[in-house]
């Protein structure tokens, strides 16, 4: 089950049910079933603290993904999203916040499907997959 939570902000994801169905469908296309998957919408400061506490990173980011999966082929995890970062990124990219949020939602789930973004090649593949998923919205 895909769930959406707010931690220290008040954010309402548009089209929650459609978004759930889209994410589930895309994960299935990658060969995964979705178990317990939590998206937590929060502030920059909240994500920064998660980054410091759990990853020993001291910088802002739009998303942090924690893989909690224990069963092969089944996705479970927690995905923290800074709504402030997504909003700023959307503005810089001349996109709507909703468009950029969909990309970030996909990005987190793609991490849980095994896609990385540390090398140039991984980043290129991640962007390609994000675009592919967004075309299937």
C-alpha atoms as a PDB file:
ATOM      1  CA  UNK A   1       0.000   0.000   0.000  1.00  0.00           C
ATOM      2  CA  UNK A   2       1.250   3.451  -0.902  1.00  0.00           C
ATOM      3  CA  UNK A   3       0.637   6.070   1.771  1.00  0.00           C
ATOM      4  CA  UNK A   4       1.259   9.814   1.877  1.00  0.00           C
ATOM      5  CA  UNK A   5       2.086  11.660   5.096  1.00  0.00           C
ATOM      6  CA  UNK A   6       3.011  15.178   6.157  1.00  0.00           C
ATOM      7  CA  UNK A   7       5.652  15.569   8.817  1.00  0.00           C
ATOM      8  CA  UNK A   8       6.212  19.214   9.703  1.00  0.00           C
ATOM      9  CA  UNK A   9       4.316  20.972   6.927  1.00  0.00           C
ATOM     10  CA  UNK A  10       0.812  21.091   5.537  1.00  0.00           C
ATOM     11  CA  UNK A  11       0.911  19.739   1.980  1.00  0.00           C
ATOM     12  CA  UNK A  12      -1.889  18.180  -0.009  1.00  0.00           C
ATOM     13  CA  UNK A  13      -0.778  15.985  -2.887  1.00  0.00           C
ATOM     14  CA  UNK A  14      -3.168  16.487  -5.815  1.00  0.00           C
ATOM     15  CA  UNK A  15      -4.842  13.399  -7.257  1.00  0.00           C
ATOM     16  CA  UNK A  16      -3.693  11.003  -4.540  1.00  0.00           C
ATOM     17  CA  UNK A  17      -5.550   7.953  -5.816  1.00  0.00           C
ATOM     18  CA  UNK A  18      -4.478   8.463  -9.424  1.00  0.00           C
ATOM     19  CA  UNK A  19      -0.894   8.969  -8.213  1.00  0.00           C
ATOM     20  CA  UNK A  20      -1.026   5.729  -6.187  1.00  0.00           C
ATOM     21  CA  UNK A  21      -2.291   3.798  -9.204  1.00  0.00           C
ATOM     22  CA  UNK A  22       0.340   5.348 -11.476  1.00  0.00           C
ATOM     23  CA  UNK A  23       3.212   4.536  -9.102  1.00  0.00           C
ATOM     24  CA  UNK A  24       1.986   0.985  -8.560  1.00  0.00           C
ATOM     25  CA  UNK A  25       1.579   0.427 -12.303  1.00  0.00           C
ATOM     26  CA  UNK A  26       5.067   1.765 -13.029  1.00  0.00           C
ATOM     27  CA  UNK A  27       6.652  -0.426 -10.347  1.00  0.00           C
ATOM     28  CA  UNK A  28       4.865  -3.447 -11.811  1.00  0.00           C
ATOM     29  CA  UNK A  29       6.244  -2.565 -15.258  1.00  0.00           C
ATOM     30  CA  UNK A  30       9.700  -2.731 -13.664  1.00  0.00           C
ATOM     31  CA  UNK A  31       8.869  -6.183 -12.288  1.00  0.00           C
ATOM     32  CA  UNK A  32       8.081  -5.211  -8.695  1.00  0.00           C
ATOM     33  CA  UNK A  33       5.091  -5.478  -6.411  1.00  0.00           C
ATOM     34  CA  UNK A  34       4.520  -2.603  -3.997  1.00  0.00           C
ATOM     35  CA  UNK A  35       4.227  -3.462  -0.314  1.00  0.00           C
ATOM     36  CA  UNK A  36       4.342  -0.779   2.368  1.00  0.00           C
ATOM     37  CA  UNK A  37       5.612   2.387   0.732  1.00  0.00           C
ATOM     38  CA  UNK A  38       5.452   5.681   2.607  1.00  0.00           C
ATOM     39  CA  UNK A  39       5.996   9.079   1.053  1.00  0.00           C
ATOM     40  CA  UNK A  40       6.639  11.679   3.750  1.00  0.00           C
ATOM     41  CA  UNK A  41       6.280  15.304   2.672  1.00  0.00           C
ATOM     42  CA  UNK A  42       8.259  17.684   4.838  1.00  0.00           C
ATOM     43  CA  UNK A  43      10.349  20.866   4.972  1.00  0.00           C
ATOM     44  CA  UNK A  44      13.930  21.506   3.926  1.00  0.00           C
ATOM     45  CA  UNK A  45      14.996  21.519   7.553  1.00  0.00           C
ATOM     46  CA  UNK A  46      13.341  18.183   8.256  1.00  0.00           C
ATOM     47  CA  UNK A  47      15.025  16.502   5.279  1.00  0.00           C
ATOM     48  CA  UNK A  48      18.338  18.112   6.266  1.00  0.00           C
ATOM     49  CA  UNK A  49      18.040  16.596   9.742  1.00  0.00           C
ATOM     50  CA  UNK A  50      17.203  13.161   8.295  1.00  0.00           C
ATOM     51  CA  UNK A  51      20.220  13.530   6.014  1.00  0.00           C
ATOM     52  CA  UNK A  52      22.450  14.380   8.991  1.00  0.00           C
ATOM     53  CA  UNK A  53      21.064  11.755  11.358  1.00  0.00           C
ATOM     54  CA  UNK A  54      20.905   8.759   9.051  1.00  0.00           C
ATOM     55  CA  UNK A  55      23.302   9.431   6.183  1.00  0.00           C
ATOM     56  CA  UNK A  56      25.876  11.711   7.820  1.00  0.00           C
ATOM     57  CA  UNK A  57      25.376  14.228   4.998  1.00  0.00           C
ATOM     58  CA  UNK A  58      25.150  17.919   5.817  1.00  0.00           C
ATOM     59  CA  UNK A  59      23.281  19.343   2.845  1.00  0.00           C
ATOM     60  CA  UNK A  60      19.800  20.030   1.558  1.00  0.00           C
ATOM     61  CA  UNK A  61      18.230  17.673  -0.941  1.00  0.00           C
ATOM     62  CA  UNK A  62      14.800  17.215  -2.473  1.00  0.00           C
ATOM     63  CA  UNK A  63      14.474  13.520  -1.648  1.00  0.00           C
ATOM     64  CA  UNK A  64      15.884  10.787   0.571  1.00  0.00           C
ATOM     65  CA  UNK A  65      14.891   7.179  -0.026  1.00  0.00           C
ATOM     66  CA  UNK A  66      15.199   4.392   2.547  1.00  0.00           C
ATOM     67  CA  UNK A  67      14.804   0.844   1.276  1.00  0.00           C
ATOM     68  CA  UNK A  68      13.016  -1.284   3.884  1.00  0.00           C
ATOM     69  CA  UNK A  69      12.386  -4.200   1.547  1.00  0.00           C
ATOM     70  CA  UNK A  70      13.256  -7.670   2.732  1.00  0.00           C
ATOM     71  CA  UNK A  71      11.450  -9.736   0.121  1.00  0.00           C
ATOM     72  CA  UNK A  72      12.802 -10.158  -3.418  1.00  0.00           C
ATOM     73  CA  UNK A  73      10.597  -8.427  -5.969  1.00  0.00           C
ATOM     74  CA  UNK A  74       8.617  -6.477  -3.362  1.00  0.00           C
ATOM     75  CA  UNK A  75       9.178  -2.781  -2.748  1.00  0.00           C
ATOM     76  CA  UNK A  76       8.913  -1.386   0.755  1.00  0.00           C
ATOM     77  CA  UNK A  77      10.395   1.807   2.063  1.00  0.00           C
ATOM     78  CA  UNK A  78      10.173   5.372   3.254  1.00  0.00           C
ATOM     79  CA  UNK A  79      10.689   8.312   0.924  1.00  0.00           C
ATOM     80  CA  UNK A  80      11.169  11.777   2.427  1.00  0.00           C
ATOM     81  CA  UNK A  81      10.448  14.685   0.096  1.00  0.00           C
ATOM     82  CA  UNK A  82      11.203  18.339   0.761  1.00  0.00           C
ATOM     83  CA  UNK A  83       8.262  20.229  -0.662  1.00  0.00           C
ATOM     84  CA  UNK A  84      10.328  23.427  -0.449  1.00  0.00           C
ATOM     85  CA  UNK A  85      13.105  21.954  -2.652  1.00  0.00           C
ATOM     86  CA  UNK A  86      10.587  20.571  -5.137  1.00  0.00           C
ATOM     87  CA  UNK A  87       8.888  23.981  -5.320  1.00  0.00           C
ATOM     88  CA  UNK A  88      12.196  25.816  -5.839  1.00  0.00           C
ATOM     89  CA  UNK A  89      13.350  23.280  -8.437  1.00  0.00           C
ATOM     90  CA  UNK A  90      10.048  23.590 -10.312  1.00  0.00           C
ATOM     91  CA  UNK A  91      10.439  27.363 -10.410  1.00  0.00           C
ATOM     92  CA  UNK A  92      14.022  27.109 -11.706  1.00  0.00           C
ATOM     93  CA  UNK A  93      13.014  24.549 -14.354  1.00  0.00           C
ATOM     94  CA  UNK A  94       9.890  26.498 -15.398  1.00  0.00           C
ATOM     95  CA  UNK A  95       7.665  23.562 -14.472  1.00  0.00           C
ATOM     96  CA  UNK A  96       4.568  23.372 -12.345  1.00  0.00           C
ATOM     97  CA  UNK A  97       5.086  22.112  -8.806  1.00  0.00           C
ATOM     98  CA  UNK A  98       2.798  19.202  -9.679  1.00  0.00           C
ATOM     99  CA  UNK A  99       5.010  18.184 -12.634  1.00  0.00           C
ATOM    100  CA  UNK A 100       8.204  18.350 -10.589  1.00  0.00           C
ATOM    101  CA  UNK A 101       6.559  16.511  -7.686  1.00  0.00           C
ATOM    102  CA  UNK A 102       5.604  13.647 -10.019  1.00  0.00           C
ATOM    103  CA  UNK A 103       9.219  13.429 -11.192  1.00  0.00           C
ATOM    104  CA  UNK A 104      10.467  13.297  -7.600  1.00  0.00           C
ATOM    105  CA  UNK A 105       7.846  10.695  -6.624  1.00  0.00           C
ATOM    106  CA  UNK A 106       9.028   8.579  -9.560  1.00  0.00           C
ATOM    107  CA  UNK A 107      12.686   9.187  -8.676  1.00  0.00           C
ATOM    108  CA  UNK A 108      12.262   7.762  -5.179  1.00  0.00           C
ATOM    109  CA  UNK A 109      10.439   4.699  -6.410  1.00  0.00           C
ATOM    110  CA  UNK A 110      13.029   4.160  -9.146  1.00  0.00           C
ATOM    111  CA  UNK A 111      15.690   4.035  -6.424  1.00  0.00           C
ATOM    112  CA  UNK A 112      13.703   1.248  -4.771  1.00  0.00           C
ATOM    113  CA  UNK A 113      13.573  -0.520  -8.150  1.00  0.00           C
ATOM    114  CA  UNK A 114      17.358  -0.559  -8.125  1.00  0.00           C
ATOM    115  CA  UNK A 115      18.238   2.513 -10.172  1.00  0.00           C
ATOM    116  CA  UNK A 116      21.061   4.702  -8.901  1.00  0.00           C
ATOM    117  CA  UNK A 117      22.207   8.247  -9.543  1.00  0.00           C
ATOM    118  CA  UNK A 118      25.838   8.382  -8.419  1.00  0.00           C
ATOM    119  CA  UNK A 119      27.625   8.151 -11.784  1.00  0.00           C
ATOM    120  CA  UNK A 120      26.946  10.086 -14.980  1.00  0.00           C
ATOM    121  CA  UNK A 121      25.669   6.895 -16.617  1.00  0.00           C
ATOM    122  CA  UNK A 122      23.316   6.190 -13.710  1.00  0.00           C
ATOM    123  CA  UNK A 123      22.013   9.767 -13.768  1.00  0.00           C
ATOM    124  CA  UNK A 124      21.345   9.519 -17.504  1.00  0.00           C
ATOM    125  CA  UNK A 125      19.459   6.223 -17.098  1.00  0.00           C
ATOM    126  CA  UNK A 126      17.508   7.625 -14.113  1.00  0.00           C
ATOM    127  CA  UNK A 127      16.419  10.662 -16.173  1.00  0.00           C
ATOM    128  CA  UNK A 128      15.409   8.406 -19.058  1.00  0.00           C
ATOM    129  CA  UNK A 129      13.306   6.222 -16.748  1.00  0.00           C
ATOM    130  CA  UNK A 130      11.733   9.279 -15.082  1.00  0.00           C
ATOM    131  CA  UNK A 131      10.755  10.653 -18.496  1.00  0.00           C
ATOM    132  CA  UNK A 132       9.382   7.259 -19.523  1.00  0.00           C
ATOM    133  CA  UNK A 133       7.297   7.041 -16.352  1.00  0.00           C
ATOM    134  CA  UNK A 134       6.037  10.593 -16.746  1.00  0.00           C
ATOM    135  CA  UNK A 135       4.914   9.828 -20.300  1.00  0.00           C
ATOM    136  CA  UNK A 136       2.721   7.112 -18.776  1.00  0.00           C
ATOM    137  CA  UNK A 137       1.007   9.497 -16.345  1.00  0.00           C
END
